[in-house]
Amino acid sequence: LVKPVKREVVPNEPPQEIVDAIEGAITERVQKQIRVQSTKEERGAFRTEVKELATAAVTAVVEANAEAYEDVNVDKMMGGIIKKIEAREMREMILSDGKRLDGRTPTDIRPIKCDIGVLPRPHGSALFTRGETQSLTTVTLGTKTDQQLVDGLLPTYERRYMLHYNFPPFSTGETGRFGFTSRRETGHGDLAERALEPFIPAEEDFSYTIRVVSDILESNGSSSMATVCAGSLALFHAGVPMKNAVAGIAMGLILEGDRFAVLSDILGDEDFLGDMDFKVTGTEEGITACQMDIKIEGLSVDILKQALEQARKGRLHILGIMNETISTPNEEMSPYAPKLTTIKVPVESIGAVIGSGGETIRGIVKETGAEVNIDDDGTVTIAAIDGESAAAAIKMIEDITRPLEEGATYSGTVKEIREGLGAFVEIAPKKQGLLHISQLDHR
């Protein structure tokens, strides 16, 4: 018989004397500094200064009563105390003064700049900058063979549209390794992918495989929403026939009792010290995706309504700036993008086009430089960078599948000569006939 004994939980609260010392050393300095409009780097430098002030104050207390603090890890608890003071003062400033760390009001959105075609070689590219957050996004258009094969717990399937999100360490001014994809990158990329997916054209309307890659060059809040905006711009630039542009915005919340403030386009610090990170993406007509992280027990209907309304106004503001850069997908695709041509062949001719062990279709690809894919219903898709390669491949396929007509004239290649019999002539790929010696012109 097991008789569990409940362990006593010892509170790990920092000594009040330490808290009071840090409060006295930094509170006034924090109150003054947060009301000065500053950048992320300036706020980082300020935190270093505040930590030095707090360390000096705590050292004086510990030295005055060394025995009492002999077994107390003061350094470990000091960071938490500083964070609480900074969060308290920032939250009070927003609720009382309606002013944020960078000088904005709760509904203001940081300056936005959109550029397309910033890279000459990709099929589509865009640079979206919002404040100190920047995404460089590229679009690559491929063929059916470029689809991603997903072999997991579910039955194997292929994806023709995918979005990948990269968050390198230098985007936050840090050093670090470029290695495996983190959970953060996977989650942010998945959100951005879902945000754009409703407007990716169906395969029968646009048979390309589409890969979108967002590289975050600088980050200070909602880089996933910058990815959505840059992805939409880059897809338009690539000529993908999307019906609507898509934008995203991250909403924050400061809640103290009955007082609250909903923040549009939050900074990294407001996410870190606030109560909510609510990402909303969509078009002028509605929402395509959303994701919420909260640090409180729940939200009232009134707060949620205000957050969604502010997100709608912010999204429309961002879409207006994006549409000034490019409002409809380009009609002309990049000269480097593969040109797709679709033809139909009789189902009974599929085997002839493929050939024994794929010999014929490989020969077409090798000779023309075009990529050829054939479906079970006889649909043949030819992908080539230039029209000549596509035309050559189409001609070879048509020659294979075209039925030979009696009485028609053909140009052929002599494949074999047999003495006393005649010549075997190939008048279509893999189709030979005997030109009897009695039919030869001896001149």
Protein backbone atom coordinates (compact mmCIF):
# COMPACT_ATOMS: atom_id res chain seq x y z
CA LEU A 1 0.00 0.00 0.00
CA VAL A 2 1.45 3.33 -1.06
CA LYS A 3 0.98 6.22 1.37
CA PRO A 4 2.11 9.39 -0.42
CA VAL A 5 3.25 12.22 1.78
CA LYS A 6 2.51 15.74 0.57
CA ARG A 7 5.65 17.82 0.45
CA GLU A 8 5.59 21.32 1.84
CA VAL A 9 6.11 23.96 -0.83
CA VAL A 10 8.58 26.58 0.32
CA PRO A 11 7.79 30.02 -1.15
CA ASN A 12 10.60 31.31 -3.33
CA GLU A 13 9.81 34.97 -2.89
CA PRO A 14 12.81 37.33 -2.94
CA PRO A 15 13.62 39.08 0.35
CA GLN A 16 11.67 42.34 0.68
CA GLU A 17 14.87 44.21 1.49
CA ILE A 18 16.31 43.24 -1.91
CA VAL A 19 13.07 44.22 -3.70
CA ASP A 20 13.00 47.61 -1.95
CA ALA A 21 16.66 48.27 -2.81
CA ILE A 22 16.09 47.58 -6.53
CA GLU A 23 12.83 49.58 -6.51
CA GLY A 24 14.59 52.58 -5.02
CA ALA A 25 17.53 52.33 -7.43
CA ILE A 26 15.74 51.96 -10.78
CA THR A 27 12.02 52.89 -10.61
CA GLU A 28 12.44 56.61 -11.24
CA ARG A 29 14.98 55.91 -13.99
CA VAL A 30 12.62 53.40 -15.67
CA GLN A 31 9.66 55.81 -15.48
CA LYS A 32 11.69 58.50 -17.18
CA GLN A 33 13.29 56.30 -19.85
CA ILE A 34 10.15 54.52 -21.09
CA ARG A 35 8.61 57.90 -21.92
CA VAL A 36 11.48 58.69 -24.27
CA GLN A 37 10.90 57.46 -27.83
CA SER A 38 13.62 54.88 -28.48
CA THR A 39 14.66 52.03 -30.73
CA LYS A 40 15.06 48.37 -29.81
CA GLU A 41 18.85 48.77 -29.55
CA GLU A 42 18.50 51.84 -27.31
CA ARG A 43 16.13 49.98 -25.01
CA GLY A 44 18.62 47.10 -24.87
CA ALA A 45 21.39 49.49 -23.83
CA PHE A 46 19.09 51.00 -21.21
CA ARG A 47 18.40 47.56 -19.71
CA THR A 48 22.12 47.03 -19.32
CA GLU A 49 22.35 50.35 -17.47
CA VAL A 50 19.38 49.47 -15.24
CA LYS A 51 20.93 46.11 -14.38
CA GLU A 52 24.14 47.86 -13.32
CA LEU A 53 22.17 50.24 -11.06
CA ALA A 54 20.27 47.32 -9.54
CA THR A 55 23.46 45.32 -9.02
CA ALA A 56 25.11 48.19 -7.17
CA ALA A 57 22.08 48.61 -4.89
CA VAL A 58 21.81 44.88 -4.14
CA THR A 59 25.56 44.58 -3.49
CA ALA A 60 25.33 47.29 -0.86
CA VAL A 61 22.47 45.46 0.90
CA VAL A 62 24.25 42.09 0.79
CA GLU A 63 27.54 43.51 2.08
CA ALA A 64 25.75 45.18 4.98
CA ASN A 65 24.25 41.85 6.09
CA ALA A 66 26.43 39.14 4.55
CA GLU A 67 25.33 36.35 6.91
CA ALA A 68 21.63 36.74 6.08
CA TYR A 69 22.25 36.42 2.35
CA GLU A 70 24.90 33.74 2.46
CA ASP A 71 22.61 31.05 0.98
CA VAL A 72 20.52 33.35 -1.24
CA ASN A 73 21.14 33.43 -4.99
CA VAL A 74 20.65 37.17 -5.40
CA ASP A 75 21.78 37.29 -9.04
CA LYS A 76 19.13 34.75 -10.06
CA MET A 77 16.22 36.67 -8.53
CA MET A 78 17.39 40.13 -9.60
CA GLY A 79 16.36 39.71 -13.26
CA GLY A 80 12.80 38.80 -12.31
CA ILE A 81 12.46 41.83 -10.03
CA ILE A 82 13.72 44.19 -12.76
CA LYS A 83 11.32 42.67 -15.29
CA LYS A 84 8.35 43.14 -12.95
CA ILE A 85 9.21 46.80 -12.37
CA GLU A 86 9.70 47.48 -16.07
CA ALA A 87 6.44 45.68 -16.97
CA ARG A 88 4.49 47.52 -14.26
CA GLU A 89 5.70 50.95 -15.35
CA MET A 90 5.24 50.28 -19.07
CA ARG A 91 1.73 48.94 -18.56
CA GLU A 92 0.77 51.90 -16.38
CA MET A 93 2.10 54.36 -18.97
CA ILE A 94 -0.02 52.75 -21.70
CA LEU A 95 -3.17 52.64 -19.56
CA SER A 96 -2.79 56.12 -18.06
CA ASP A 97 -1.08 58.12 -20.82
CA GLY A 98 -2.12 56.13 -23.91
CA LYS A 99 1.53 56.16 -24.98
CA ARG A 100 3.74 53.23 -25.99
CA LEU A 101 7.49 52.57 -25.81
CA ASP A 102 8.17 53.96 -29.29
CA GLY A 103 5.87 56.95 -28.87
CA ARG A 104 2.84 55.52 -30.72
CA THR A 105 -0.77 55.52 -29.54
CA PRO A 106 -2.47 52.12 -29.07
CA THR A 107 -3.93 52.17 -32.60
CA ASP A 108 -0.89 53.50 -34.51
CA ILE A 109 0.99 51.25 -36.94
CA ARG A 110 4.69 51.63 -37.58
CA PRO A 111 5.92 53.09 -40.92
CA ILE A 112 5.63 50.59 -43.78
CA LYS A 113 7.69 50.30 -46.96
CA CYS A 114 7.08 47.79 -49.77
CA ASP A 115 9.46 46.88 -52.61
CA ILE A 116 9.06 44.23 -55.32
CA GLY A 117 11.56 42.76 -57.77
CA VAL A 118 14.45 43.42 -55.40
CA LEU A 119 16.24 40.27 -56.58
CA PRO A 120 16.70 39.78 -60.35
CA ARG A 121 16.92 35.99 -60.56
CA PRO A 122 14.00 34.55 -58.51
CA HIS A 123 10.64 34.23 -60.25
CA GLY A 124 9.14 36.66 -57.72
CA SER A 125 10.55 38.69 -54.83
CA ALA A 126 9.46 41.33 -52.33
CA LEU A 127 10.90 43.24 -49.39
CA PHE A 128 8.39 44.26 -46.72
CA THR A 129 9.56 46.58 -43.95
CA ARG A 130 7.42 47.62 -40.98
CA GLY A 131 9.29 49.57 -38.35
CA GLU A 132 12.22 47.40 -37.26
CA THR A 133 10.79 44.20 -38.76
CA GLN A 134 11.76 43.20 -42.30
CA SER A 135 11.04 40.15 -44.47
CA LEU A 136 12.75 39.33 -47.77
CA THR A 137 10.48 36.83 -49.52
CA THR A 138 11.06 34.96 -52.77
CA VAL A 139 8.75 32.83 -54.91
CA THR A 140 9.91 29.91 -57.05
CA LEU A 141 7.63 28.31 -59.63
CA GLY A 142 8.27 24.68 -60.51
CA THR A 143 6.72 21.74 -62.28
CA LYS A 144 4.84 18.69 -61.03
CA THR A 145 8.10 16.87 -60.29
CA ASP A 146 8.98 19.65 -57.82
CA GLN A 147 6.02 18.88 -55.57
CA GLN A 148 6.97 17.93 -52.02
CA LEU A 149 6.39 14.30 -51.18
CA VAL A 150 5.07 13.95 -47.63
CA ASP A 151 5.60 10.47 -46.22
CA GLY A 152 4.46 10.51 -42.60
CA LEU A 153 1.86 8.85 -40.39
CA LEU A 154 -0.91 9.59 -42.89
CA PRO A 155 -0.99 8.08 -46.39
CA THR A 156 1.68 9.55 -48.66
CA TYR A 157 0.62 12.71 -50.47
CA GLU A 158 2.18 15.61 -52.41
CA ARG A 159 2.12 19.34 -51.77
CA ARG A 160 2.21 21.81 -54.67
CA TYR A 161 2.18 24.93 -52.45
CA MET A 162 4.54 25.41 -49.54
CA LEU A 163 5.86 28.33 -47.48
CA HIS A 164 9.12 28.20 -45.55
CA TYR A 165 10.08 30.73 -42.88
CA ASN A 166 13.67 31.35 -41.77
CA PHE A 167 14.58 33.31 -38.64
CA PRO A 168 18.38 33.69 -38.59
CA PRO A 169 20.08 34.83 -35.37
CA PHE A 170 21.32 38.08 -36.93
CA SER A 171 17.71 39.28 -37.33
CA THR A 172 17.68 40.07 -33.60
CA GLY A 173 21.29 41.25 -33.45
CA GLU A 174 22.61 37.95 -32.11
CA THR A 175 25.12 35.34 -33.16
CA GLY A 176 24.24 31.69 -33.44
CA ARG A 177 24.26 28.57 -35.52
CA PHE A 178 22.30 27.99 -38.71
CA GLY A 179 21.01 24.49 -38.14
CA PHE A 180 17.74 22.62 -37.94
CA THR A 181 14.39 24.36 -38.29
CA SER A 182 13.17 25.40 -34.85
CA ARG A 183 9.63 24.90 -33.53
CA ARG A 184 9.20 28.67 -33.68
CA GLU A 185 10.09 28.76 -37.37
CA THR A 186 7.80 25.81 -38.09
CA GLY A 187 4.86 27.43 -36.30
CA HIS A 188 5.33 30.89 -37.82
CA GLY A 189 5.76 29.41 -41.29
CA ASP A 190 2.64 27.28 -40.90
CA LEU A 191 0.57 30.31 -39.87
CA ALA A 192 1.79 32.36 -42.84
CA GLU A 193 1.22 29.41 -45.20
CA ARG A 194 -2.39 29.02 -44.03
CA ALA A 195 -2.96 32.77 -44.33
CA LEU A 196 -2.15 32.79 -48.07
CA GLU A 197 -3.49 29.34 -48.98
CA PRO A 198 -7.15 30.30 -49.67
CA PHE A 199 -6.03 32.42 -52.63
CA ILE A 200 -3.49 30.04 -54.16
CA PRO A 201 -5.08 29.08 -57.54
CA ALA A 202 -6.17 25.49 -58.11
CA GLU A 203 -3.88 23.20 -60.09
CA GLU A 204 -6.23 23.08 -63.06
CA ASP A 205 -6.07 26.89 -63.30
CA PHE A 206 -2.34 27.27 -62.55
CA SER A 207 -0.39 24.05 -62.88
CA TYR A 208 2.85 25.30 -61.32
CA THR A 209 4.29 24.09 -58.04
CA ILE A 210 4.71 27.15 -55.78
CA ARG A 211 7.35 27.59 -53.11
CA VAL A 212 7.48 30.77 -50.98
CA VAL A 213 10.53 31.41 -48.77
CA SER A 214 10.64 34.22 -46.19
CA ASP A 215 14.00 35.25 -44.75
CA ILE A 216 13.65 37.58 -41.77
CA LEU A 217 16.40 40.19 -42.02
CA GLU A 218 15.39 42.17 -38.92
CA SER A 219 12.83 41.45 -36.22
CA ASN A 220 11.07 43.54 -33.61
CA GLY A 221 7.56 42.13 -33.41
CA SER A 222 5.31 39.98 -35.63
CA SER A 223 7.77 38.81 -38.28
CA SER A 224 5.22 36.13 -39.25
CA MET A 225 2.77 38.88 -40.21
CA ALA A 226 5.51 40.59 -42.23
CA THR A 227 5.97 37.22 -43.98
CA VAL A 228 2.28 37.18 -44.97
CA CYS A 229 2.52 40.69 -46.45
CA ALA A 230 5.82 40.03 -48.23
CA GLY A 231 4.55 36.65 -49.45
CA SER A 232 1.45 38.23 -50.98
CA LEU A 233 3.57 40.89 -52.72
CA ALA A 234 6.05 38.32 -54.03
CA LEU A 235 3.28 36.06 -55.37
CA PHE A 236 1.76 39.03 -57.20
CA HIS A 237 5.19 39.90 -58.60
CA ALA A 238 5.70 36.30 -59.77
CA GLY A 239 2.45 36.43 -61.73
CA VAL A 240 0.55 33.90 -59.61
CA PRO A 241 -3.12 34.67 -60.36
CA MET A 242 -4.31 35.35 -56.80
CA LYS A 243 -7.71 37.01 -56.53
CA ASN A 244 -6.87 39.05 -53.42
CA ALA A 245 -3.88 40.46 -51.60
CA VAL A 246 -3.44 39.23 -48.01
CA ALA A 247 -1.98 41.18 -45.07
CA GLY A 248 -1.44 40.41 -41.39
CA ILE A 249 -1.18 42.33 -38.13
CA ALA A 250 -0.35 41.36 -34.53
CA MET A 251 -2.51 42.75 -31.72
CA GLY A 252 -1.47 43.09 -28.08
CA LEU A 253 -3.28 43.68 -24.78
CA ILE A 254 -2.62 45.37 -21.45
CA LEU A 255 -5.20 44.35 -18.84
CA GLU A 256 -5.26 45.59 -15.24
CA GLY A 257 -8.53 44.97 -13.45
CA ASP A 258 -11.28 46.78 -15.36
CA ARG A 259 -8.80 48.87 -17.34
CA PHE A 260 -7.47 47.59 -20.64
CA ALA A 261 -5.77 48.77 -23.83
CA VAL A 262 -5.66 46.88 -27.12
CA LEU A 263 -2.43 47.56 -29.03
CA SER A 264 -2.10 47.43 -32.83
CA ASP A 265 1.13 46.17 -34.42
CA ILE A 266 2.96 45.25 -31.22
CA LEU A 267 6.69 45.47 -30.58
CA GLY A 268 8.73 42.58 -29.25
CA ASP A 269 8.83 44.23 -25.79
CA GLU A 270 5.04 44.66 -25.79
CA ASP A 271 4.66 40.96 -26.56
CA PHE A 272 7.17 40.10 -23.81
CA LEU A 273 5.66 42.38 -21.13
CA GLY A 274 2.01 42.35 -22.28
CA ASP A 275 -0.89 39.92 -21.89
CA MET A 276 -1.71 38.88 -25.47
CA ASP A 277 -0.27 38.25 -28.92
CA PHE A 278 -3.21 37.96 -31.31
CA LYS A 279 -2.21 37.56 -34.96
CA VAL A 280 -4.92 38.17 -37.57
CA THR A 281 -4.49 37.83 -41.35
CA GLY A 282 -6.93 38.49 -44.15
CA THR A 283 -8.10 40.56 -47.09
CA GLU A 284 -10.34 43.59 -47.43
CA GLU A 285 -13.30 41.22 -47.17
CA GLY A 286 -12.44 38.95 -44.23
CA ILE A 287 -10.05 36.85 -42.16
CA THR A 288 -8.02 33.96 -43.57
CA ALA A 289 -6.13 32.85 -40.44
CA CYS A 290 -5.60 33.81 -36.81
CA GLN A 291 -3.56 32.69 -33.82
CA MET A 292 -3.69 33.82 -30.19
CA ASP A 293 -1.28 33.52 -27.29
CA ILE A 294 -2.51 34.88 -23.95
CA LYS A 295 -0.98 35.07 -20.48
CA ILE A 296 -4.29 35.70 -18.70
CA GLU A 297 -7.20 33.36 -17.90
CA GLY A 298 -9.39 34.58 -20.74
CA LEU A 299 -10.80 37.46 -22.73
CA SER A 300 -14.15 39.20 -22.50
CA VAL A 301 -16.32 39.55 -25.59
CA ASP A 302 -15.83 43.33 -25.53
CA ILE A 303 -12.04 43.04 -25.59
CA LEU A 304 -12.17 40.49 -28.42
CA LYS A 305 -14.53 42.69 -30.44
CA GLN A 306 -12.23 45.68 -30.04
CA ALA A 307 -9.17 43.62 -30.95
CA LEU A 308 -10.81 42.31 -34.13
CA GLU A 309 -12.04 45.77 -35.13
CA GLN A 310 -8.60 47.33 -34.59
CA ALA A 311 -7.06 44.44 -36.53
CA ARG A 312 -9.47 45.06 -39.41
CA LYS A 313 -8.61 48.77 -39.58
CA GLY A 314 -4.90 48.02 -39.34
CA ARG A 315 -5.13 45.34 -42.04
CA LEU A 316 -6.93 47.73 -44.40
CA HIS A 317 -4.23 50.35 -43.77
CA ILE A 318 -1.48 47.86 -44.61
CA LEU A 319 -3.32 46.55 -47.69
CA GLY A 320 -3.67 50.13 -48.96
CA ILE A 321 0.10 50.60 -48.85
CA MET A 322 0.69 47.18 -50.47
CA ASN A 323 -1.76 47.97 -53.27
CA GLU A 324 0.11 51.19 -54.01
CA THR A 325 3.13 49.00 -54.81
CA ILE A 326 1.30 46.28 -56.78
CA SER A 327 -2.48 45.81 -56.84
CA THR A 328 -2.90 42.94 -59.31
CA PRO A 329 -0.71 39.95 -60.24
CA ASN A 330 1.78 40.57 -63.05
CA GLU A 331 0.54 39.35 -66.43
CA GLU A 332 4.10 38.59 -67.57
CA MET A 333 6.03 35.95 -65.66
CA SER A 334 9.77 36.01 -65.08
CA PRO A 335 11.86 34.99 -68.12
CA TYR A 336 13.55 32.48 -65.81
CA ALA A 337 10.29 30.76 -64.85
CA PRO A 338 9.48 27.53 -66.72
CA LYS A 339 6.80 27.93 -69.39
CA LEU A 340 4.19 25.20 -69.13
CA THR A 341 2.36 23.83 -72.17
CA THR A 342 -0.33 21.16 -71.91
CA ILE A 343 -1.36 18.79 -74.70
CA LYS A 344 -3.54 15.71 -74.80
CA VAL A 345 -2.60 12.35 -76.25
CA PRO A 346 -4.75 9.22 -76.63
CA VAL A 347 -4.63 7.04 -73.54
CA GLU A 348 -3.57 4.08 -75.68
CA SER A 349 -0.53 6.09 -76.81
CA ILE A 350 0.81 6.78 -73.31
CA GLY A 351 2.99 3.69 -73.39
CA ALA A 352 4.52 4.73 -76.71
CA VAL A 353 5.38 8.20 -75.33
CA ILE A 354 7.00 6.70 -72.23
CA GLY A 355 8.74 3.87 -74.05
CA SER A 356 10.29 0.71 -72.65
CA GLY A 357 11.57 1.54 -69.16
CA GLY A 358 11.01 5.25 -69.85
CA GLU A 359 13.55 5.24 -72.69
CA THR A 360 11.47 7.34 -75.11
CA ILE A 361 10.45 10.08 -72.68
CA ARG A 362 14.01 10.33 -71.34
CA GLY A 363 15.23 10.72 -74.91
CA ILE A 364 12.78 13.60 -75.49
CA VAL A 365 13.97 15.34 -72.32
CA LYS A 366 17.64 14.86 -73.20
CA GLU A 367 17.29 16.07 -76.79
CA THR A 368 15.05 19.10 -76.18
CA GLY A 369 16.02 20.16 -72.66
CA ALA A 370 12.33 20.36 -71.72
CA GLU A 371 10.73 18.59 -68.79
CA VAL A 372 7.89 16.24 -69.73
CA ASN A 373 5.25 14.83 -67.37
CA ILE A 374 2.38 12.59 -68.44
CA ASP A 375 -0.75 11.74 -66.43
CA ASP A 376 -2.92 8.63 -66.57
CA ASP A 377 -5.62 10.47 -68.53
CA GLY A 378 -3.20 11.34 -71.35
CA THR A 379 -2.51 14.93 -70.24
CA VAL A 380 1.09 15.81 -71.09
CA THR A 381 2.71 18.85 -69.46
CA ILE A 382 5.84 20.25 -71.10
CA ALA A 383 7.95 22.68 -69.07
CA ALA A 384 10.73 24.66 -70.75
CA ILE A 385 12.52 27.96 -70.27
CA ASP A 386 12.23 28.89 -73.96
CA GLY A 387 9.64 28.28 -76.65
CA GLU A 388 11.98 26.37 -78.97
CA SER A 389 12.55 23.57 -76.45
CA ALA A 390 8.83 23.28 -75.78
CA ALA A 391 7.99 23.24 -79.51
CA ALA A 392 10.60 20.56 -80.19
CA ALA A 393 9.26 18.35 -77.39
CA ILE A 394 5.65 18.83 -78.56
CA LYS A 395 6.62 17.88 -82.13
CA MET A 396 8.38 14.72 -80.97
CA ILE A 397 5.36 13.68 -78.88
CA GLU A 398 2.95 14.42 -81.72
CA ASP A 399 5.10 12.41 -84.11
CA ILE A 400 4.96 9.44 -81.76
CA THR A 401 1.22 9.56 -81.25
CA ARG A 402 0.12 10.59 -84.76
CA PRO A 403 -1.32 7.60 -86.70
CA LEU A 404 0.42 6.82 -90.01
CA GLU A 405 -1.70 7.46 -93.08
CA GLU A 406 -1.55 5.37 -96.23
CA GLY A 407 -0.51 7.43 -99.23
CA ALA A 408 1.07 10.22 -97.14
CA THR A 409 4.67 11.31 -97.70
CA TYR A 410 7.14 11.08 -94.79
CA SER A 411 10.78 12.04 -94.28
CA GLY A 412 12.61 9.21 -92.59
CA THR A 413 15.96 8.02 -91.35
CA VAL A 414 17.54 4.85 -92.74
CA LYS A 415 18.19 2.64 -89.74
CA GLU A 416 19.37 -0.54 -91.42
CA ILE A 417 20.23 -1.83 -94.92
CA ARG A 418 19.83 -5.51 -95.82
CA GLU A 419 21.42 -6.70 -99.02
CA GLY A 420 18.94 -8.11 -101.45
CA LEU A 421 16.00 -6.94 -99.34
CA GLY A 422 16.08 -3.14 -98.98
CA ALA A 423 16.27 -0.48 -96.30
CA PHE A 424 14.47 -0.19 -92.97
CA VAL A 425 13.40 3.43 -92.56
CA GLU A 426 12.15 5.13 -89.36
CA ILE A 427 9.37 7.46 -90.46
CA ALA A 428 8.22 8.27 -86.88
CA PRO A 429 9.83 7.65 -83.48
CA LYS A 430 9.90 3.89 -82.87
CA LYS A 431 7.98 3.25 -86.10
CA GLN A 432 9.92 1.64 -88.96
CA GLY A 433 8.96 0.29 -92.33
CA LEU A 434 10.72 -1.67 -95.09
CA LEU A 435 11.51 0.17 -98.30
CA HIS A 436 11.86 -2.79 -100.64
CA ILE A 437 14.79 -2.89 -103.03
CA SER A 438 12.34 -2.98 -105.92
CA GLN A 439 11.01 0.45 -104.86
CA LEU A 440 14.39 2.18 -104.71
CA ASP A 441 15.39 4.79 -107.28
CA HIS A 442 18.77 3.56 -108.58
CA ARG A 443 19.82 7.05 -109.62
